[in-house]
């Protein structure tokens, strides 16, 4: 019981990860943990869910470099953000 209380206080409800992704993570970790304890169906489920997570990681979009500059000593860079136009 203390474990789930710690888990909810850590996330604090501000986690931006979508619910299906969090569910997949839960299935992968629980499946591998219970499978290591001897449950074959949980082990298979954990391995499949972990494989799906790895595939999602491999096909993730790569970040785009917008600008690149070399700063000399004494120079500074100011970054300003604004809301996207709708």
PDB file of N, CA and C in Angstrom:
ATOM      1  N   UNK A   1       0.817  -1.185   0.000  1.00  0.00           N
ATOM      2  CA  UNK A   1       0.000   0.000   0.000  1.00  0.00           C
ATOM      3  C   UNK A   1       0.861   1.248   0.000  1.00  0.00           C
ATOM      4  N   UNK A   2       1.935   1.246   0.742  1.00  0.00           N
ATOM      5  CA  UNK A   2       2.810   2.418   0.786  1.00  0.00           C
ATOM      6  C   UNK A   2       3.454   2.663  -0.571  1.00  0.00           C
ATOM      7  N   UNK A   3       3.646   1.592  -1.328  1.00  0.00           N
ATOM      8  CA  UNK A   3       4.271   1.741  -2.633  1.00  0.00           C
ATOM      9  C   UNK A   3       3.399   2.558  -3.589  1.00  0.00           C
ATOM     10  N   UNK A   4       2.096   2.273  -3.631  1.00  0.00           N
ATOM     11  CA  UNK A   4       1.236   3.030  -4.536  1.00  0.00           C
ATOM     12  C   UNK A   4       1.066   4.476  -4.072  1.00  0.00           C
ATOM     13  N   UNK A   5       1.094   4.707  -2.762  1.00  0.00           N
ATOM     14  CA  UNK A   5       1.010   6.080  -2.269  1.00  0.00           C
ATOM     15  C   UNK A   5       2.241   6.865  -2.699  1.00  0.00           C
ATOM     16  N   UNK A   6       3.387   6.220  -2.652  1.00  0.00           N
ATOM     17  CA  UNK A   6       4.619   6.882  -3.081  1.00  0.00           C
ATOM     18  C   UNK A   6       4.555   7.172  -4.582  1.00  0.00           C
ATOM     19  N   UNK A   7       4.038   6.223  -5.342  1.00  0.00           N
ATOM     20  CA  UNK A   7       3.951   6.390  -6.787  1.00  0.00           C
ATOM     21  C   UNK A   7       3.040   7.551  -7.150  1.00  0.00           C
ATOM     22  N   UNK A   8       1.868   7.677  -6.496  1.00  0.00           N
ATOM     23  CA  UNK A   8       0.982   8.777  -6.847  1.00  0.00           C
ATOM     24  C   UNK A   8       1.525  10.118  -6.411  1.00  0.00           C
ATOM     25  N   UNK A   9       2.261  10.158  -5.311  1.00  0.00           N
ATOM     26  CA  UNK A   9       2.816  11.442  -4.898  1.00  0.00           C
ATOM     27  C   UNK A   9       3.946  11.857  -5.829  1.00  0.00           C
ATOM     28  N   UNK A  10       4.639  10.871  -6.411  1.00  0.00           N
ATOM     29  CA  UNK A  10       5.722  11.200  -7.326  1.00  0.00           C
ATOM     30  C   UNK A  10       5.167  11.808  -8.600  1.00  0.00           C
ATOM     31  N   UNK A  11       4.096  11.220  -9.140  1.00  0.00           N
ATOM     32  CA  UNK A  11       3.548  11.764 -10.384  1.00  0.00           C
ATOM     33  C   UNK A  11       2.814  13.067 -10.128  1.00  0.00           C
ATOM     34  N   UNK A  12       2.120  13.170  -8.997  1.00  0.00           N
ATOM     35  CA  UNK A  12       1.464  14.410  -8.632  1.00  0.00           C
ATOM     36  C   UNK A  12       0.350  14.826  -9.571  1.00  0.00           C
ATOM     37  N   UNK A  13      -0.049  13.935 -10.505  1.00  0.00           N
ATOM     38  CA  UNK A  13      -1.129  14.259 -11.417  1.00  0.00           C
ATOM     39  C   UNK A  13      -0.730  15.207 -12.536  1.00  0.00           C
ATOM     40  N   UNK A  14       0.503  15.661 -12.584  1.00  0.00           N
ATOM     41  CA  UNK A  14       0.914  16.605 -13.619  1.00  0.00           C
ATOM     42  C   UNK A  14       1.691  15.916 -14.735  1.00  0.00           C
ATOM     43  N   UNK A  15       1.651  14.581 -14.774  1.00  0.00           N
ATOM     44  CA  UNK A  15       2.366  13.836 -15.799  1.00  0.00           C
ATOM     45  C   UNK A  15       1.681  14.042 -17.142  1.00  0.00           C
ATOM     46  N   UNK A  16       2.425  14.467 -18.153  1.00  0.00           N
ATOM     47  CA  UNK A  16       1.869  14.745 -19.474  1.00  0.00           C
ATOM     48  C   UNK A  16       1.896  13.521 -20.384  1.00  0.00           C
ATOM     49  N   UNK A  17       2.363  12.375 -19.885  1.00  0.00           N
ATOM     50  CA  UNK A  17       2.411  11.167 -20.685  1.00  0.00           C
ATOM     51  C   UNK A  17       0.990  10.665 -20.924  1.00  0.00           C
ATOM     52  N   UNK A  18       0.636  10.348 -22.168  1.00  0.00           N
ATOM     53  CA  UNK A  18      -0.726   9.858 -22.442  1.00  0.00           C
ATOM     54  C   UNK A  18      -1.020   8.555 -21.695  1.00  0.00           C
ATOM     55  N   UNK A  19      -2.287   8.364 -21.348  1.00  0.00           N
ATOM     56  CA  UNK A  19      -2.702   7.209 -20.573  1.00  0.00           C
ATOM     57  C   UNK A  19      -2.346   5.880 -21.238  1.00  0.00           C
ATOM     58  N   UNK A  20      -2.529   5.694 -22.567  1.00  0.00           N
ATOM     59  CA  UNK A  20      -2.141   4.411 -23.164  1.00  0.00           C
ATOM     60  C   UNK A  20      -0.649   4.112 -23.025  1.00  0.00           C
ATOM     61  N   UNK A  21       0.186   5.135 -23.081  1.00  0.00           N
ATOM     62  CA  UNK A  21       1.630   4.923 -22.940  1.00  0.00           C
ATOM     63  C   UNK A  21       1.956   4.518 -21.505  1.00  0.00           C
ATOM     64  N   UNK A  22       1.316   5.189 -20.535  1.00  0.00           N
ATOM     65  CA  UNK A  22       1.528   4.813 -19.135  1.00  0.00           C
ATOM     66  C   UNK A  22       1.029   3.403 -18.872  1.00  0.00           C
ATOM     67  N   UNK A  23      -0.092   3.027 -19.516  1.00  0.00           N
ATOM     68  CA  UNK A  23      -0.618   1.670 -19.362  1.00  0.00           C
ATOM     69  C   UNK A  23       0.329   0.638 -19.939  1.00  0.00           C
ATOM     70  N   UNK A  24       0.918   0.948 -21.086  1.00  0.00           N
ATOM     71  CA  UNK A  24       1.878   0.037 -21.704  1.00  0.00           C
ATOM     72  C   UNK A  24       3.107  -0.123 -20.818  1.00  0.00           C
ATOM     73  N   UNK A  25       3.556   0.973 -20.238  1.00  0.00           N
ATOM     74  CA  UNK A  25       4.702   0.906 -19.320  1.00  0.00           C
ATOM     75  C   UNK A  25       4.370   0.042 -18.111  1.00  0.00           C
ATOM     76  N   UNK A  26       3.152   0.215 -17.582  1.00  0.00           N
ATOM     77  CA  UNK A  26       2.740  -0.572 -16.424  1.00  0.00           C
ATOM     78  C   UNK A  26       2.688  -2.057 -16.765  1.00  0.00           C
ATOM     79  N   UNK A  27       2.124  -2.395 -17.927  1.00  0.00           N
ATOM     80  CA  UNK A  27       2.026  -3.797 -18.340  1.00  0.00           C
ATOM     81  C   UNK A  27       3.422  -4.386 -18.521  1.00  0.00           C
ATOM     82  N   UNK A  28       4.333  -3.623 -19.127  1.00  0.00           N
ATOM     83  CA  UNK A  28       5.690  -4.122 -19.352  1.00  0.00           C
ATOM     84  C   UNK A  28       6.410  -4.388 -18.034  1.00  0.00           C
ATOM     85  N   UNK A  29       6.370  -3.433 -17.117  1.00  0.00           N
ATOM     86  CA  UNK A  29       7.097  -3.616 -15.858  1.00  0.00           C
ATOM     87  C   UNK A  29       6.439  -4.674 -14.975  1.00  0.00           C
ATOM     88  N   UNK A  30       5.112  -4.657 -14.903  1.00  0.00           N
ATOM     89  CA  UNK A  30       4.419  -5.648 -14.080  1.00  0.00           C
ATOM     90  C   UNK A  30       4.595  -7.039 -14.664  1.00  0.00           C
ATOM     91  N   UNK A  31       4.481  -7.153 -15.964  1.00  0.00           N
ATOM     92  CA  UNK A  31       4.641  -8.454 -16.612  1.00  0.00           C
ATOM     93  C   UNK A  31       6.022  -9.042 -16.386  1.00  0.00           C
ATOM     94  N   UNK A  32       7.052  -8.229 -16.534  1.00  0.00           N
ATOM     95  CA  UNK A  32       8.406  -8.732 -16.330  1.00  0.00           C
ATOM     96  C   UNK A  32       8.663  -9.075 -14.862  1.00  0.00           C
ATOM     97  N   UNK A  33       8.112  -8.257 -13.965  1.00  0.00           N
ATOM     98  CA  UNK A  33       8.309  -8.524 -12.529  1.00  0.00           C
ATOM     99  C   UNK A  33       7.587  -9.808 -12.120  1.00  0.00           C
ATOM    100  N   UNK A  34       6.312  -9.934 -12.503  1.00  0.00           N
ATOM    101  CA  UNK A  34       5.565 -11.141 -12.138  1.00  0.00           C
ATOM    102  C   UNK A  34       6.079 -12.360 -12.902  1.00  0.00           C
ATOM    103  N   UNK A  35       6.531 -12.138 -14.133  1.00  0.00           N
ATOM    104  CA  UNK A  35       7.091 -13.247 -14.905  1.00  0.00           C
ATOM    105  C   UNK A  35       8.374 -13.770 -14.292  1.00  0.00           C
ATOM    106  N   UNK A  36       9.172 -12.875 -13.744  1.00  0.00           N
ATOM    107  CA  UNK A  36      10.395 -13.309 -13.067  1.00  0.00           C
ATOM    108  C   UNK A  36      10.052 -14.101 -11.807  1.00  0.00           C
ATOM    109  N   UNK A  37       8.849 -13.861 -11.274  1.00  0.00           N
ATOM    110  CA  UNK A  37       8.394 -14.605 -10.096  1.00  0.00           C
ATOM    111  C   UNK A  37       7.834 -15.964 -10.448  1.00  0.00           C
ATOM    112  N   UNK A  38       7.704 -16.288 -11.730  1.00  0.00           N
ATOM    113  CA  UNK A  38       7.287 -17.623 -12.126  1.00  0.00           C
ATOM    114  C   UNK A  38       6.024 -17.694 -12.959  1.00  0.00           C
ATOM    115  N   UNK A  39       5.349 -16.589 -13.227  1.00  0.00           N
ATOM    116  CA  UNK A  39       4.122 -16.624 -14.013  1.00  0.00           C
ATOM    117  C   UNK A  39       4.464 -16.496 -15.492  1.00  0.00           C
ATOM    118  N   UNK A  40       4.289 -17.572 -16.225  1.00  0.00           N
ATOM    119  CA  UNK A  40       4.638 -17.570 -17.640  1.00  0.00           C
ATOM    120  C   UNK A  40       3.764 -16.626 -18.474  1.00  0.00           C
ATOM    121  N   UNK A  41       2.435 -16.591 -18.266  1.00  0.00           N
ATOM    122  CA  UNK A  41       1.631 -15.644 -19.057  1.00  0.00           C
ATOM    123  C   UNK A  41       2.042 -14.189 -18.834  1.00  0.00           C
ATOM    124  N   UNK A  42       2.340 -13.813 -17.587  1.00  0.00           N
ATOM    125  CA  UNK A  42       2.785 -12.446 -17.310  1.00  0.00           C
ATOM    126  C   UNK A  42       4.136 -12.180 -17.971  1.00  0.00           C
ATOM    127  N   UNK A  43       5.005 -13.177 -17.977  1.00  0.00           N
ATOM    128  CA  UNK A  43       6.311 -12.999 -18.617  1.00  0.00           C
ATOM    129  C   UNK A  43       6.144 -12.720 -20.105  1.00  0.00           C
ATOM    130  N   UNK A  44       5.288 -13.508 -20.774  1.00  0.00           N
ATOM    131  CA  UNK A  44       5.059 -13.291 -22.206  1.00  0.00           C
ATOM    132  C   UNK A  44       4.456 -11.914 -22.460  1.00  0.00           C
ATOM    133  N   UNK A  45       3.493 -11.530 -21.629  1.00  0.00           N
ATOM    134  CA  UNK A  45       2.872 -10.219 -21.775  1.00  0.00           C
ATOM    135  C   UNK A  45       3.897  -9.101 -21.557  1.00  0.00           C
ATOM    136  N   UNK A  46       4.764  -9.262 -20.560  1.00  0.00           N
ATOM    137  CA  UNK A  46       5.795  -8.263 -20.289  1.00  0.00           C
ATOM    138  C   UNK A  46       6.795  -8.138 -21.425  1.00  0.00           C
ATOM    139  N   UNK A  47       7.169  -9.270 -22.010  1.00  0.00           N
ATOM    140  CA  UNK A  47       8.129  -9.245 -23.121  1.00  0.00           C
ATOM    141  C   UNK A  47       7.501  -8.569 -24.349  1.00  0.00           C
ATOM    142  N   UNK A  48       6.241  -8.882 -24.644  1.00  0.00           N
ATOM    143  CA  UNK A  48       5.575  -8.263 -25.795  1.00  0.00           C
ATOM    144  C   UNK A  48       5.422  -6.756 -25.569  1.00  0.00           C
ATOM    145  N   UNK A  49       4.975  -6.360 -24.371  1.00  0.00           N
ATOM    146  CA  UNK A  49       4.802  -4.931 -24.082  1.00  0.00           C
ATOM    147  C   UNK A  49       6.138  -4.197 -24.137  1.00  0.00           C
ATOM    148  N   UNK A  50       7.198  -4.826 -23.654  1.00  0.00           N
ATOM    149  CA  UNK A  50       8.533  -4.206 -23.725  1.00  0.00           C
ATOM    150  C   UNK A  50       8.978  -4.064 -25.176  1.00  0.00           C
ATOM    151  N   UNK A  51       8.676  -5.058 -25.994  1.00  0.00           N
ATOM    152  CA  UNK A  51       9.003  -4.976 -27.415  1.00  0.00           C
ATOM    153  C   UNK A  51       8.269  -3.836 -28.101  1.00  0.00           C
ATOM    154  N   UNK A  52       7.003  -3.641 -27.746  1.00  0.00           N
ATOM    155  CA  UNK A  52       6.237  -2.526 -28.313  1.00  0.00           C
ATOM    156  C   UNK A  52       6.854  -1.201 -27.893  1.00  0.00           C
ATOM    157  N   UNK A  53       7.278  -1.102 -26.629  1.00  0.00           N
ATOM    158  CA  UNK A  53       7.904   0.137 -26.160  1.00  0.00           C
ATOM    159  C   UNK A  53       9.207   0.416 -26.914  1.00  0.00           C
ATOM    160  N   UNK A  54       9.994  -0.628 -27.167  1.00  0.00           N
ATOM    161  CA  UNK A  54      11.246  -0.453 -27.916  1.00  0.00           C
ATOM    162  C   UNK A  54      10.953  -0.013 -29.347  1.00  0.00           C
ATOM    163  N   UNK A  55       9.952  -0.622 -29.977  1.00  0.00           N
ATOM    164  CA  UNK A  55       9.595  -0.220 -31.343  1.00  0.00           C
ATOM    165  C   UNK A  55       9.112   1.225 -31.391  1.00  0.00           C
ATOM    166  N   UNK A  56       8.312   1.646 -30.404  1.00  0.00           N
ATOM    167  CA  UNK A  56       7.876   3.049 -30.358  1.00  0.00           C
ATOM    168  C   UNK A  56       9.073   3.983 -30.221  1.00  0.00           C
ATOM    169  N   UNK A  57      10.057   3.565 -29.425  1.00  0.00           N
ATOM    170  CA  UNK A  57      11.254   4.394 -29.238  1.00  0.00           C
ATOM    171  C   UNK A  57      12.052   4.473 -30.547  1.00  0.00           C
ATOM    172  N   UNK A  58      12.129   3.362 -31.285  1.00  0.00           N
ATOM    173  CA  UNK A  58      12.904   3.363 -32.523  1.00  0.00           C
ATOM    174  C   UNK A  58      12.281   4.224 -33.614  1.00  0.00           C
ATOM    175  N   UNK A  59      10.953   4.338 -33.644  1.00  0.00           N
ATOM    176  CA  UNK A  59      10.297   5.096 -34.712  1.00  0.00           C
ATOM    177  C   UNK A  59       9.896   6.501 -34.269  1.00  0.00           C
ATOM    178  N   UNK A  60      10.369   6.941 -33.113  1.00  0.00           N
ATOM    179  CA  UNK A  60      10.027   8.279 -32.617  1.00  0.00           C
ATOM    180  C   UNK A  60      10.578   9.345 -33.580  1.00  0.00           C
ATOM    181  N   UNK A  61       9.915  10.493 -33.665  1.00  0.00           N
ATOM    182  CA  UNK A  61      10.420  11.553 -34.535  1.00  0.00           C
ATOM    183  C   UNK A  61      11.726  12.140 -33.992  1.00  0.00           C
ATOM    184  N   UNK A  62      12.629  12.405 -34.880  1.00  0.00           N
ATOM    185  CA  UNK A  62      13.912  12.982 -34.490  1.00  0.00           C
ATOM    186  C   UNK A  62      13.772  14.490 -34.335  1.00  0.00           C
ATOM    187  N   UNK A  63      14.468  15.101 -33.371  1.00  0.00           N
ATOM    188  CA  UNK A  63      14.377  16.556 -33.210  1.00  0.00           C
ATOM    189  C   UNK A  63      14.959  17.295 -34.422  1.00  0.00           C
ATOM    190  N   UNK A  64      14.390  18.452 -34.707  1.00  0.00           N
ATOM    191  CA  UNK A  64      14.829  19.263 -35.843  1.00  0.00           C
ATOM    192  C   UNK A  64      15.685  20.420 -35.312  1.00  0.00           C
ATOM    193  N   UNK A  65      16.883  20.598 -35.879  1.00  0.00           N
ATOM    194  CA  UNK A  65      17.744  21.712 -35.504  1.00  0.00           C
ATOM    195  C   UNK A  65      17.300  22.928 -36.307  1.00  0.00           C
ATOM    196  N   UNK A  66      16.890  23.978 -35.620  1.00  0.00           N
ATOM    197  CA  UNK A  66      16.396  25.170 -36.283  1.00  0.00           C
ATOM    198  C   UNK A  66      17.530  26.143 -36.563  1.00  0.00           C
ATOM    199  N   UNK A  67      18.434  26.281 -35.622  1.00  0.00           N
ATOM    200  CA  UNK A  67      19.536  27.215 -35.776  1.00  0.00           C
ATOM    201  C   UNK A  67      20.746  26.700 -35.010  1.00  0.00           C
ATOM    202  N   UNK A  68      21.920  27.023 -35.516  1.00  0.00           N
ATOM    203  CA  UNK A  68      23.149  26.627 -34.856  1.00  0.00           C
ATOM    204  C   UNK A  68      24.145  27.777 -34.997  1.00  0.00           C
ATOM    205  N   UNK A  69      24.786  28.141 -33.895  1.00  0.00           N
ATOM    206  CA  UNK A  69      25.736  29.248 -33.938  1.00  0.00           C
ATOM    207  C   UNK A  69      26.861  29.000 -32.942  1.00  0.00           C
ATOM    208  N   UNK A  70      28.015  29.555 -33.236  1.00  0.00           N
ATOM    209  CA  UNK A  70      29.151  29.481 -32.323  1.00  0.00           C
ATOM    210  C   UNK A  70      29.259  30.822 -31.616  1.00  0.00           C
ATOM    211  N   UNK A  71      29.286  30.789 -30.295  1.00  0.00           N
ATOM    212  CA  UNK A  71      29.407  32.021 -29.522  1.00  0.00           C
ATOM    213  C   UNK A  71      30.858  32.240 -29.127  1.00  0.00           C
ATOM    214  N   UNK A  72      31.307  33.435 -29.327  1.00  0.00           N
ATOM    215  CA  UNK A  72      32.655  33.812 -28.912  1.00  0.00           C
ATOM    216  C   UNK A  72      32.606  34.232 -27.446  1.00  0.00           C
ATOM    217  N   UNK A  73      33.741  34.240 -26.753  1.00  0.00           N
ATOM    218  CA  UNK A  73      33.743  34.684 -25.357  1.00  0.00           C
ATOM    219  C   UNK A  73      33.177  36.100 -25.235  1.00  0.00           C
ATOM    220  N   UNK A  74      32.261  36.277 -24.287  1.00  0.00           N
ATOM    221  CA  UNK A  74      31.633  37.568 -24.071  1.00  0.00           C
ATOM    222  C   UNK A  74      30.317  37.745 -24.802  1.00  0.00           C
ATOM    223  N   UNK A  75      30.034  36.919 -25.803  1.00  0.00           N
ATOM    224  CA  UNK A  75      28.766  36.991 -26.518  1.00  0.00           C
ATOM    225  C   UNK A  75      27.687  36.244 -25.733  1.00  0.00           C
ATOM    226  N   UNK A  76      26.436  36.618 -25.997  1.00  0.00           N
ATOM    227  CA  UNK A  76      25.337  35.928 -25.322  1.00  0.00           C
ATOM    228  C   UNK A  76      24.245  35.628 -26.340  1.00  0.00           C
ATOM    229  N   UNK A  77      23.327  34.800 -25.934  1.00  0.00           N
ATOM    230  CA  UNK A  77      22.234  34.392 -26.790  1.00  0.00           C
ATOM    231  C   UNK A  77      20.944  34.543 -26.007  1.00  0.00           C
ATOM    232  N   UNK A  78      19.954  35.198 -26.595  1.00  0.00           N
ATOM    233  CA  UNK A  78      18.654  35.376 -25.952  1.00  0.00           C
ATOM    234  C   UNK A  78      17.620  34.554 -26.700  1.00  0.00           C
ATOM    235  N   UNK A  79      16.879  33.708 -25.970  1.00  0.00           N
ATOM    236  CA  UNK A  79      15.859  32.876 -26.568  1.00  0.00           C
ATOM    237  C   UNK A  79      14.505  33.371 -26.090  1.00  0.00           C
ATOM    238  N   UNK A  80      13.647  33.714 -27.032  1.00  0.00           N
ATOM    239  CA  UNK A  80      12.316  34.223 -26.718  1.00  0.00           C
ATOM    240  C   UNK A  80      11.297  33.243 -27.285  1.00  0.00           C
ATOM    241  N   UNK A  81      10.332  32.848 -26.479  1.00  0.00           N
ATOM    242  CA  UNK A  81       9.284  31.956 -26.952  1.00  0.00           C
ATOM    243  C   UNK A  81       7.975  32.712 -26.994  1.00  0.00           C
ATOM    244  N   UNK A  82       7.110  32.299 -27.893  1.00  0.00           N
ATOM    245  CA  UNK A  82       5.779  32.892 -27.960  1.00  0.00           C
ATOM    246  C   UNK A  82       4.770  31.801 -28.276  1.00  0.00           C
ATOM    247  N   UNK A  83       3.544  32.083 -27.982  1.00  0.00           N
ATOM    248  CA  UNK A  83       2.479  31.098 -28.228  1.00  0.00           C
ATOM    249  C   UNK A  83       2.341  30.847 -29.722  1.00  0.00           C
ATOM    250  N   UNK A  84       2.043  29.613 -30.103  1.00  0.00           N
ATOM    251  CA  UNK A  84       1.878  29.340 -31.537  1.00  0.00           C
ATOM    252  C   UNK A  84       0.650  30.047 -32.091  1.00  0.00           C
ATOM    253  N   UNK A  85       0.726  30.422 -33.366  1.00  0.00           N
ATOM    254  CA  UNK A  85      -0.395  31.088 -34.019  1.00  0.00           C
ATOM    255  C   UNK A  85      -1.447  30.043 -34.344  1.00  0.00           C
ATOM    256  N   UNK A  86      -2.709  30.427 -34.206  1.00  0.00           N
ATOM    257  CA  UNK A  86      -3.796  29.465 -34.460  1.00  0.00           C
ATOM    258  C   UNK A  86      -4.499  29.761 -35.734  1.00  0.00           C
TER     259      UNK A  86
END
